[in-house]
Amino acid sequence: MGSRNTVFQLEYVSGNNQRYVGGGMPSPMVFKIKNLTSNEYVSGYLPNSDLSLIAIASVGFQDADFNDLNDYCGNGDDGCYGGYYYVQPVNGSPYDLNITVRLRFKGELIDSYLITQYLGNMHGTFTDHRDGNVYNTVRIGDQVWMAENIKATRYEDGTPIPLVESKSEWLTLGNSDKAYCWYNNDALNRENYGGLYNWAAAMNGSASSIKNPSGVQGVCANGWHIPSDEEWKQLEMFIGMNQAAVIIQAGVERLKEVILKRLEPHTG
């Protein structure tokens, strides 16, 4: 156990400059504590050394005390202390969150480190293992959306989606016949516009859903789904539409859906 003459120094390892939308941190804040008197790093349960390591900010709270129970440095070093900080998910403008990590010895503040996190709408990418296509994604509120059109040519079970390029063949498709094409029947347009799928191909045998989330995978890769009307409403309200406008818009879209289905060619 140290004395008042013992000097400790806080050494940053990782966890700064993370970007997320709130909740728990994606990765912990990790530090080491050096005893400058003995030139050795502290390890073990901190209170046994009269040391404490806490994180504070103007909003949110520390999830748990910093500890060395996990391999936070990834190299078996038991002198790496990790901790998380929690804030409510961002529903408004993005902002910077400054978190001060304070090291105390016998109650006396002896060192600190400033951690900055960036909270707000998150942009990311997703790789579809079926064909290697990489898609941009965006988090809007509590939802994550693909930011570009899908261009899958097969379902998750490996079944190919029929490519139909003939106008006459499109006109003879039944309600359950699956088909897709590229815009203007030009495969070079796949990057800009993605695939154009009929209802049967997009849904892949599933019925429409009013759930949020829909639970309809359809043409999507594992972990993704076709959004329901309830999910569109949630998005619309988040970006500023009032509830009355959302309800009216939903009615218009439902009417369009009914008309389009009536206009689809029938066989048999």
C-alpha atoms as a PDB file:
ATOM      1  CA  MET A   1       0.000   0.000   0.000  1.00  0.00           C
ATOM      2  CA  GLY A   2       1.366   3.394  -0.931  1.00  0.00           C
ATOM      3  CA  SER A   3       2.038   6.511   1.109  1.00  0.00           C
ATOM      4  CA  ARG A   4       1.293  10.188   0.560  1.00  0.00           C
ATOM      5  CA  ASN A   5       4.752  10.497  -1.028  1.00  0.00           C
ATOM      6  CA  THR A   6       3.849   7.930  -3.686  1.00  0.00           C
ATOM      7  CA  VAL A   7       3.164   9.544  -7.056  1.00  0.00           C
ATOM      8  CA  PHE A   8       0.890   7.872  -9.597  1.00  0.00           C
ATOM      9  CA  GLN A   9       0.400   8.752 -13.245  1.00  0.00           C
ATOM     10  CA  LEU A  10      -2.586   7.938 -15.452  1.00  0.00           C
ATOM     11  CA  GLU A  11      -1.613   6.585 -18.887  1.00  0.00           C
ATOM     12  CA  TYR A  12      -4.175   6.516 -21.692  1.00  0.00           C
ATOM     13  CA  VAL A  13      -4.426   3.311 -23.756  1.00  0.00           C
ATOM     14  CA  SER A  14      -7.614   3.468 -25.862  1.00  0.00           C
ATOM     15  CA  GLY A  15     -11.282   4.508 -26.051  1.00  0.00           C
ATOM     16  CA  ASN A  16     -11.006   8.125 -27.167  1.00  0.00           C
ATOM     17  CA  ASN A  17     -12.728   9.676 -30.210  1.00  0.00           C
ATOM     18  CA  GLN A  18     -15.477   7.056 -30.594  1.00  0.00           C
ATOM     19  CA  ARG A  19     -18.529   7.817 -32.726  1.00  0.00           C
ATOM     20  CA  TYR A  20     -21.894   6.395 -31.718  1.00  0.00           C
ATOM     21  CA  VAL A  21     -25.480   7.409 -31.090  1.00  0.00           C
ATOM     22  CA  GLY A  22     -25.697   6.909 -27.344  1.00  0.00           C
ATOM     23  CA  GLY A  23     -26.306   4.049 -24.996  1.00  0.00           C
ATOM     24  CA  GLY A  24     -23.230   2.182 -23.874  1.00  0.00           C
ATOM     25  CA  MET A  25     -19.864   2.869 -25.466  1.00  0.00           C
ATOM     26  CA  PRO A  26     -18.935   0.518 -28.333  1.00  0.00           C
ATOM     27  CA  SER A  27     -15.489   0.074 -26.749  1.00  0.00           C
ATOM     28  CA  PRO A  28     -14.260   0.725 -23.213  1.00  0.00           C
ATOM     29  CA  MET A  29     -12.040   3.546 -22.061  1.00  0.00           C
ATOM     30  CA  VAL A  30      -8.771   1.849 -21.118  1.00  0.00           C
ATOM     31  CA  PHE A  31      -5.985   3.189 -18.906  1.00  0.00           C
ATOM     32  CA  LYS A  32      -2.890   2.039 -17.085  1.00  0.00           C
ATOM     33  CA  ILE A  33      -1.711   3.480 -13.783  1.00  0.00           C
ATOM     34  CA  LYS A  34       2.005   3.891 -13.202  1.00  0.00           C
ATOM     35  CA  ASN A  35       3.629   4.151  -9.787  1.00  0.00           C
ATOM     36  CA  LEU A  36       6.370   6.689 -10.480  1.00  0.00           C
ATOM     37  CA  THR A  37       8.084   5.913  -7.200  1.00  0.00           C
ATOM     38  CA  SER A  38       8.653   2.241  -7.980  1.00  0.00           C
ATOM     39  CA  ASN A  39       8.466   2.674 -11.787  1.00  0.00           C
ATOM     40  CA  GLU A  40       5.933  -0.177 -11.911  1.00  0.00           C
ATOM     41  CA  TYR A  41       2.362  -0.419 -13.159  1.00  0.00           C
ATOM     42  CA  VAL A  42      -0.495  -0.967 -10.746  1.00  0.00           C
ATOM     43  CA  SER A  43      -2.530  -4.176 -11.056  1.00  0.00           C
ATOM     44  CA  GLY A  44      -5.313  -5.813  -9.077  1.00  0.00           C
ATOM     45  CA  TYR A  45      -8.349  -4.404  -7.334  1.00  0.00           C
ATOM     46  CA  LEU A  46      -7.868  -0.620  -7.149  1.00  0.00           C
ATOM     47  CA  PRO A  47      -9.381   0.052  -3.693  1.00  0.00           C
ATOM     48  CA  ASN A  48      -6.745  -2.279  -2.213  1.00  0.00           C
ATOM     49  CA  SER A  49      -4.192   0.314  -3.351  1.00  0.00           C
ATOM     50  CA  ASP A  50      -6.245   3.270  -2.038  1.00  0.00           C
ATOM     51  CA  LEU A  51      -6.728   4.236  -5.670  1.00  0.00           C
ATOM     52  CA  SER A  52      -9.971   5.051  -7.469  1.00  0.00           C
ATOM     53  CA  LEU A  53     -10.643   5.735 -11.127  1.00  0.00           C
ATOM     54  CA  ILE A  54     -13.933   7.354 -12.093  1.00  0.00           C
ATOM     55  CA  ALA A  55     -15.416   9.027 -15.172  1.00  0.00           C
ATOM     56  CA  ILE A  56     -17.651  12.095 -15.002  1.00  0.00           C
ATOM     57  CA  ALA A  57     -19.374  14.313 -17.565  1.00  0.00           C
ATOM     58  CA  SER A  58     -22.209  16.847 -17.722  1.00  0.00           C
ATOM     59  CA  VAL A  59     -24.659  14.147 -18.895  1.00  0.00           C
ATOM     60  CA  GLY A  60     -24.902  10.395 -18.478  1.00  0.00           C
ATOM     61  CA  PHE A  61     -23.113   8.224 -15.958  1.00  0.00           C
ATOM     62  CA  GLN A  62     -20.355   5.662 -15.553  1.00  0.00           C
ATOM     63  CA  ASP A  63     -21.734   2.152 -16.077  1.00  0.00           C
ATOM     64  CA  ALA A  64     -19.377   0.482 -13.603  1.00  0.00           C
ATOM     65  CA  ASP A  65     -16.120   1.085 -11.788  1.00  0.00           C
ATOM     66  CA  PHE A  66     -12.953   0.688 -13.801  1.00  0.00           C
ATOM     67  CA  ASN A  67     -11.585  -2.810 -13.354  1.00  0.00           C
ATOM     68  CA  ASP A  68      -8.949  -5.192 -14.705  1.00  0.00           C
ATOM     69  CA  LEU A  69     -11.239  -8.225 -14.873  1.00  0.00           C
ATOM     70  CA  ASN A  70     -11.026  -8.422 -18.687  1.00  0.00           C
ATOM     71  CA  ASP A  71      -8.053  -8.434 -21.009  1.00  0.00           C
ATOM     72  CA  TYR A  72      -8.624  -4.802 -21.978  1.00  0.00           C
ATOM     73  CA  CYS A  73      -5.222  -4.383 -23.639  1.00  0.00           C
ATOM     74  CA  GLY A  74      -5.580  -7.640 -25.556  1.00  0.00           C
ATOM     75  CA  ASN A  75      -2.150  -8.908 -24.594  1.00  0.00           C
ATOM     76  CA  GLY A  76      -2.774 -10.547 -21.237  1.00  0.00           C
ATOM     77  CA  ASP A  77      -1.640  -7.453 -19.313  1.00  0.00           C
ATOM     78  CA  ASP A  78      -3.578  -7.461 -16.031  1.00  0.00           C
ATOM     79  CA  GLY A  79      -2.648  -3.837 -15.386  1.00  0.00           C
ATOM     80  CA  CYS A  80      -5.102  -2.432 -17.929  1.00  0.00           C
ATOM     81  CA  TYR A  81      -8.241  -0.918 -16.417  1.00  0.00           C
ATOM     82  CA  GLY A  82     -11.359  -0.576 -18.538  1.00  0.00           C
ATOM     83  CA  GLY A  83     -14.628   1.242 -17.952  1.00  0.00           C
ATOM     84  CA  TYR A  84     -17.717   2.350 -19.854  1.00  0.00           C
ATOM     85  CA  TYR A  85     -19.850   5.469 -19.849  1.00  0.00           C
ATOM     86  CA  TYR A  86     -23.583   5.547 -20.634  1.00  0.00           C
ATOM     87  CA  VAL A  87     -25.678   8.341 -22.171  1.00  0.00           C
ATOM     88  CA  GLN A  88     -29.198   8.374 -23.565  1.00  0.00           C
ATOM     89  CA  PRO A  89     -29.423   7.790 -27.351  1.00  0.00           C
ATOM     90  CA  VAL A  90     -29.288  11.007 -29.345  1.00  0.00           C
ATOM     91  CA  ASN A  91     -32.682  12.192 -30.626  1.00  0.00           C
ATOM     92  CA  GLY A  92     -31.603  15.682 -31.625  1.00  0.00           C
ATOM     93  CA  SER A  93     -28.498  17.354 -32.988  1.00  0.00           C
ATOM     94  CA  PRO A  94     -25.140  15.564 -32.767  1.00  0.00           C
ATOM     95  CA  TYR A  95     -22.812  16.780 -30.052  1.00  0.00           C
ATOM     96  CA  ASP A  96     -19.395  16.189 -28.510  1.00  0.00           C
ATOM     97  CA  LEU A  97     -19.351  14.523 -25.098  1.00  0.00           C
ATOM     98  CA  ASN A  98     -16.335  15.370 -22.939  1.00  0.00           C
ATOM     99  CA  ILE A  99     -15.681  12.828 -20.213  1.00  0.00           C
ATOM    100  CA  THR A 100     -13.085  13.476 -17.523  1.00  0.00           C
ATOM    101  CA  VAL A 101     -11.432  10.360 -16.124  1.00  0.00           C
ATOM    102  CA  ARG A 102     -10.071  11.133 -12.652  1.00  0.00           C
ATOM    103  CA  LEU A 103      -7.478   9.207 -10.697  1.00  0.00           C
ATOM    104  CA  ARG A 104      -7.561   9.643  -6.913  1.00  0.00           C
ATOM    105  CA  PHE A 105      -5.207   8.350  -4.257  1.00  0.00           C
ATOM    106  CA  LYS A 106      -6.666   8.220  -0.728  1.00  0.00           C
ATOM    107  CA  GLY A 107      -9.353  10.650  -1.911  1.00  0.00           C
ATOM    108  CA  GLU A 108      -6.915  13.191  -3.340  1.00  0.00           C
ATOM    109  CA  LEU A 109      -7.092  14.005  -7.067  1.00  0.00           C
ATOM    110  CA  ILE A 110      -3.661  13.300  -8.527  1.00  0.00           C
ATOM    111  CA  ASP A 111      -4.229  12.982 -12.279  1.00  0.00           C
ATOM    112  CA  SER A 112      -6.933  13.185 -14.937  1.00  0.00           C
ATOM    113  CA  TYR A 113      -7.485  12.620 -18.648  1.00  0.00           C
ATOM    114  CA  LEU A 114     -10.067  14.097 -21.028  1.00  0.00           C
ATOM    115  CA  ILE A 115     -11.941  11.668 -23.287  1.00  0.00           C
ATOM    116  CA  THR A 116     -14.014  13.090 -26.160  1.00  0.00           C
ATOM    117  CA  GLN A 117     -16.835  11.112 -27.765  1.00  0.00           C
ATOM    118  CA  TYR A 118     -18.901  12.134 -30.814  1.00  0.00           C
ATOM    119  CA  LEU A 119     -22.582  11.354 -30.488  1.00  0.00           C
ATOM    120  CA  GLY A 120     -25.127  11.660 -33.276  1.00  0.00           C
ATOM    121  CA  ASN A 121     -26.441  10.043 -36.446  1.00  0.00           C
ATOM    122  CA  MET A 122     -24.001   7.346 -37.433  1.00  0.00           C
ATOM    123  CA  HIS A 123     -22.908   6.436 -40.941  1.00  0.00           C
ATOM    124  CA  GLY A 124     -21.479   3.004 -41.571  1.00  0.00           C
ATOM    125  CA  THR A 125     -21.150   0.209 -44.110  1.00  0.00           C
ATOM    126  CA  PHE A 126     -22.466  -3.320 -44.468  1.00  0.00           C
ATOM    127  CA  THR A 127     -20.987  -6.096 -46.613  1.00  0.00           C
ATOM    128  CA  ASP A 128     -23.451  -8.592 -48.088  1.00  0.00           C
ATOM    129  CA  HIS A 129     -21.697 -11.965 -47.891  1.00  0.00           C
ATOM    130  CA  ARG A 130     -23.795 -13.343 -50.758  1.00  0.00           C
ATOM    131  CA  ASP A 131     -22.035 -11.330 -53.439  1.00  0.00           C
ATOM    132  CA  GLY A 132     -19.544  -9.074 -51.656  1.00  0.00           C
ATOM    133  CA  ASN A 133     -21.537  -5.908 -52.297  1.00  0.00           C
ATOM    134  CA  VAL A 134     -20.736  -3.141 -49.797  1.00  0.00           C
ATOM    135  CA  TYR A 135     -23.599  -0.811 -48.861  1.00  0.00           C
ATOM    136  CA  ASN A 136     -23.607   2.490 -47.028  1.00  0.00           C
ATOM    137  CA  THR A 137     -25.854   2.598 -43.966  1.00  0.00           C
ATOM    138  CA  VAL A 138     -27.158   5.407 -41.792  1.00  0.00           C
ATOM    139  CA  ARG A 139     -28.623   5.471 -38.298  1.00  0.00           C
ATOM    140  CA  ILE A 140     -31.617   7.807 -38.034  1.00  0.00           C
ATOM    141  CA  GLY A 141     -33.016   8.002 -34.536  1.00  0.00           C
ATOM    142  CA  ASP A 142     -33.229   4.451 -33.209  1.00  0.00           C
ATOM    143  CA  GLN A 143     -33.295   2.899 -36.694  1.00  0.00           C
ATOM    144  CA  VAL A 144     -30.518   1.818 -39.047  1.00  0.00           C
ATOM    145  CA  TRP A 145     -31.313   2.088 -42.773  1.00  0.00           C
ATOM    146  CA  MET A 146     -29.452   1.109 -45.896  1.00  0.00           C
ATOM    147  CA  ALA A 147     -28.472   4.328 -47.649  1.00  0.00           C
ATOM    148  CA  GLU A 148     -28.541   2.856 -51.146  1.00  0.00           C
ATOM    149  CA  ASN A 149     -30.591   0.364 -53.146  1.00  0.00           C
ATOM    150  CA  ILE A 150     -29.955  -3.341 -52.821  1.00  0.00           C
ATOM    151  CA  LYS A 151     -28.534  -5.224 -55.798  1.00  0.00           C
ATOM    152  CA  ALA A 152     -28.770  -8.846 -54.677  1.00  0.00           C
ATOM    153  CA  THR A 153     -29.155 -11.515 -57.345  1.00  0.00           C
ATOM    154  CA  ARG A 154     -29.876 -14.447 -55.035  1.00  0.00           C
ATOM    155  CA  TYR A 155     -31.617 -15.158 -51.745  1.00  0.00           C
ATOM    156  CA  GLU A 156     -29.940 -16.134 -48.483  1.00  0.00           C
ATOM    157  CA  ASP A 157     -30.406 -19.840 -49.238  1.00  0.00           C
ATOM    158  CA  GLY A 158     -28.527 -19.406 -52.517  1.00  0.00           C
ATOM    159  CA  THR A 159     -31.589 -19.557 -54.784  1.00  0.00           C
ATOM    160  CA  PRO A 160     -31.060 -17.249 -57.802  1.00  0.00           C
ATOM    161  CA  ILE A 161     -33.624 -14.515 -58.415  1.00  0.00           C
ATOM    162  CA  PRO A 162     -34.819 -14.723 -62.031  1.00  0.00           C
ATOM    163  CA  LEU A 163     -33.382 -11.940 -64.195  1.00  0.00           C
ATOM    164  CA  VAL A 164     -36.100 -10.863 -66.651  1.00  0.00           C
ATOM    165  CA  GLU A 165     -35.088  -8.450 -69.408  1.00  0.00           C
ATOM    166  CA  SER A 166     -37.904  -8.903 -71.906  1.00  0.00           C
ATOM    167  CA  LYS A 167     -40.847  -6.485 -71.687  1.00  0.00           C
ATOM    168  CA  SER A 168     -43.187  -9.124 -73.028  1.00  0.00           C
ATOM    169  CA  GLU A 169     -42.054 -11.574 -70.343  1.00  0.00           C
ATOM    170  CA  TRP A 170     -42.644  -8.982 -67.626  1.00  0.00           C
ATOM    171  CA  LEU A 171     -46.183  -8.521 -68.893  1.00  0.00           C
ATOM    172  CA  THR A 172     -46.925 -12.225 -68.560  1.00  0.00           C
ATOM    173  CA  LEU A 173     -45.613 -12.617 -65.006  1.00  0.00           C
ATOM    174  CA  GLY A 174     -48.146 -13.782 -62.443  1.00  0.00           C
ATOM    175  CA  ASN A 175     -48.527 -12.366 -58.942  1.00  0.00           C
ATOM    176  CA  SER A 176     -46.284 -15.054 -57.481  1.00  0.00           C
ATOM    177  CA  ASP A 177     -43.650 -15.006 -60.232  1.00  0.00           C
ATOM    178  CA  LYS A 178     -40.380 -13.516 -58.994  1.00  0.00           C
ATOM    179  CA  ALA A 179     -38.276 -11.293 -61.200  1.00  0.00           C
ATOM    180  CA  TYR A 180     -35.752  -8.476 -61.191  1.00  0.00           C
ATOM    181  CA  CYS A 181     -33.877  -6.429 -63.755  1.00  0.00           C
ATOM    182  CA  TRP A 182     -31.356  -3.614 -63.989  1.00  0.00           C
ATOM    183  CA  TYR A 183     -32.468  -0.126 -64.932  1.00  0.00           C
ATOM    184  CA  ASN A 184     -32.778   0.149 -68.721  1.00  0.00           C
ATOM    185  CA  ASN A 185     -31.646  -3.513 -68.838  1.00  0.00           C
ATOM    186  CA  ASP A 186     -28.075  -2.301 -68.454  1.00  0.00           C
ATOM    187  CA  ALA A 187     -25.960  -4.040 -65.798  1.00  0.00           C
ATOM    188  CA  LEU A 188     -23.755  -0.952 -65.622  1.00  0.00           C
ATOM    189  CA  ASN A 189     -26.633   0.763 -63.848  1.00  0.00           C
ATOM    190  CA  ARG A 190     -26.541  -1.659 -60.909  1.00  0.00           C
ATOM    191  CA  GLU A 191     -24.140   0.516 -58.896  1.00  0.00           C
ATOM    192  CA  ASN A 192     -26.216   3.688 -59.197  1.00  0.00           C
ATOM    193  CA  TYR A 193     -29.738   2.269 -59.041  1.00  0.00           C
ATOM    194  CA  GLY A 194     -29.468  -1.248 -57.612  1.00  0.00           C
ATOM    195  CA  GLY A 195     -31.861  -3.959 -58.728  1.00  0.00           C
ATOM    196  CA  LEU A 196     -35.497  -3.412 -59.676  1.00  0.00           C
ATOM    197  CA  TYR A 197     -37.573  -6.186 -58.056  1.00  0.00           C
ATOM    198  CA  ASN A 198     -41.238  -6.996 -58.410  1.00  0.00           C
ATOM    199  CA  TRP A 199     -43.304  -7.535 -55.253  1.00  0.00           C
ATOM    200  CA  ALA A 200     -42.967 -11.317 -55.315  1.00  0.00           C
ATOM    201  CA  ALA A 201     -39.187 -11.151 -55.581  1.00  0.00           C
ATOM    202  CA  ALA A 202     -38.834  -8.489 -52.900  1.00  0.00           C
ATOM    203  CA  MET A 203     -41.027 -10.335 -50.396  1.00  0.00           C
ATOM    204  CA  ASN A 204     -39.869 -13.877 -51.287  1.00  0.00           C
ATOM    205  CA  GLY A 205     -43.118 -15.499 -50.210  1.00  0.00           C
ATOM    206  CA  SER A 206     -43.729 -13.458 -47.062  1.00  0.00           C
ATOM    207  CA  ALA A 207     -46.949 -11.585 -46.410  1.00  0.00           C
ATOM    208  CA  SER A 208     -47.065  -7.871 -45.631  1.00  0.00           C
ATOM    209  CA  SER A 209     -46.391  -6.967 -42.009  1.00  0.00           C
ATOM    210  CA  ILE A 210     -47.662  -4.223 -39.713  1.00  0.00           C
ATOM    211  CA  LYS A 211     -45.062  -4.989 -37.037  1.00  0.00           C
ATOM    212  CA  ASN A 212     -42.121  -2.819 -36.060  1.00  0.00           C
ATOM    213  CA  PRO A 213     -39.708  -4.315 -36.984  1.00  0.00           C
ATOM    214  CA  SER A 214     -41.523  -6.116 -39.769  1.00  0.00           C
ATOM    215  CA  GLY A 215     -39.771  -9.479 -39.489  1.00  0.00           C
ATOM    216  CA  VAL A 216     -39.887  -9.843 -43.294  1.00  0.00           C
ATOM    217  CA  GLN A 217     -36.445 -10.718 -44.654  1.00  0.00           C
ATOM    218  CA  GLY A 218     -37.462 -10.997 -48.283  1.00  0.00           C
ATOM    219  CA  VAL A 219     -34.604 -10.238 -50.647  1.00  0.00           C
ATOM    220  CA  CYS A 220     -32.484  -8.825 -47.821  1.00  0.00           C
ATOM    221  CA  ALA A 221     -29.357 -10.357 -46.318  1.00  0.00           C
ATOM    222  CA  ASN A 222     -29.377 -11.927 -42.879  1.00  0.00           C
ATOM    223  CA  GLY A 223     -29.807  -9.278 -40.198  1.00  0.00           C
ATOM    224  CA  TRP A 224     -31.816  -6.967 -42.493  1.00  0.00           C
ATOM    225  CA  HIS A 225     -35.481  -6.825 -43.439  1.00  0.00           C
ATOM    226  CA  ILE A 226     -38.094  -5.149 -45.615  1.00  0.00           C
ATOM    227  CA  PRO A 227     -39.465  -2.201 -43.586  1.00  0.00           C
ATOM    228  CA  SER A 228     -43.132  -2.172 -42.667  1.00  0.00           C
ATOM    229  CA  ASP A 229     -45.393   0.852 -42.886  1.00  0.00           C
ATOM    230  CA  GLU A 230     -45.004   1.273 -39.118  1.00  0.00           C
ATOM    231  CA  GLU A 231     -41.243   1.585 -39.569  1.00  0.00           C
ATOM    232  CA  TRP A 232     -41.710   4.208 -42.285  1.00  0.00           C
ATOM    233  CA  LYS A 233     -44.026   6.117 -39.946  1.00  0.00           C
ATOM    234  CA  GLN A 234     -41.388   6.049 -37.226  1.00  0.00           C
ATOM    235  CA  LEU A 235     -38.834   7.472 -39.660  1.00  0.00           C
ATOM    236  CA  GLU A 236     -41.206  10.141 -40.929  1.00  0.00           C
ATOM    237  CA  MET A 237     -42.059  11.326 -37.439  1.00  0.00           C
ATOM    238  CA  PHE A 238     -38.405  11.425 -36.429  1.00  0.00           C
ATOM    239  CA  ILE A 239     -37.514  13.708 -39.333  1.00  0.00           C
ATOM    240  CA  GLY A 240     -40.311  16.130 -38.472  1.00  0.00           C
ATOM    241  CA  MET A 241     -43.675  15.013 -39.870  1.00  0.00           C
ATOM    242  CA  ASN A 242     -46.484  15.293 -37.324  1.00  0.00           C
ATOM    243  CA  GLN A 243     -48.646  12.283 -36.543  1.00  0.00           C
ATOM    244  CA  ALA A 244     -51.644  13.533 -38.521  1.00  0.00           C
ATOM    245  CA  ALA A 245     -49.535  14.031 -41.642  1.00  0.00           C
ATOM    246  CA  VAL A 246     -48.017  10.585 -41.223  1.00  0.00           C
ATOM    247  CA  ILE A 247     -51.462   8.986 -41.000  1.00  0.00           C
ATOM    248  CA  ILE A 248     -52.662  10.831 -44.126  1.00  0.00           C
ATOM    249  CA  GLN A 249     -49.509   9.867 -46.010  1.00  0.00           C
ATOM    250  CA  ALA A 250     -49.961   6.235 -44.934  1.00  0.00           C
ATOM    251  CA  GLY A 251     -53.499   6.299 -46.336  1.00  0.00           C
ATOM    252  CA  VAL A 252     -52.286   7.695 -49.654  1.00  0.00           C
ATOM    253  CA  GLU A 253     -49.549   5.075 -49.909  1.00  0.00           C
ATOM    254  CA  ARG A 254     -52.009   2.290 -49.069  1.00  0.00           C
ATOM    255  CA  LEU A 255     -54.347   3.522 -51.792  1.00  0.00           C
ATOM    256  CA  LYS A 256     -51.471   3.578 -54.290  1.00  0.00           C
ATOM    257  CA  GLU A 257     -50.533   0.032 -53.271  1.00  0.00           C
ATOM    258  CA  VAL A 258     -54.082  -1.227 -53.822  1.00  0.00           C
ATOM    259  CA  ILE A 259     -54.321   0.480 -57.246  1.00  0.00           C
ATOM    260  CA  LEU A 260     -50.958  -0.884 -58.378  1.00  0.00           C
ATOM    261  CA  LYS A 261     -51.865  -4.415 -57.302  1.00  0.00           C
ATOM    262  CA  ARG A 262     -55.144  -4.119 -59.223  1.00  0.00           C
ATOM    263  CA  LEU A 263     -53.170  -3.065 -62.318  1.00  0.00           C
ATOM    264  CA  GLU A 264     -50.815  -6.041 -62.114  1.00  0.00           C
ATOM    265  CA  PRO A 265     -51.424  -8.596 -64.892  1.00  0.00           C
ATOM    266  CA  HIS A 266     -53.135 -11.816 -63.835  1.00  0.00           C
ATOM    267  CA  THR A 267     -52.733 -15.202 -65.439  1.00  0.00           C
ATOM    268  CA  GLY A 268     -54.854 -18.286 -65.423  1.00  0.00           C
END
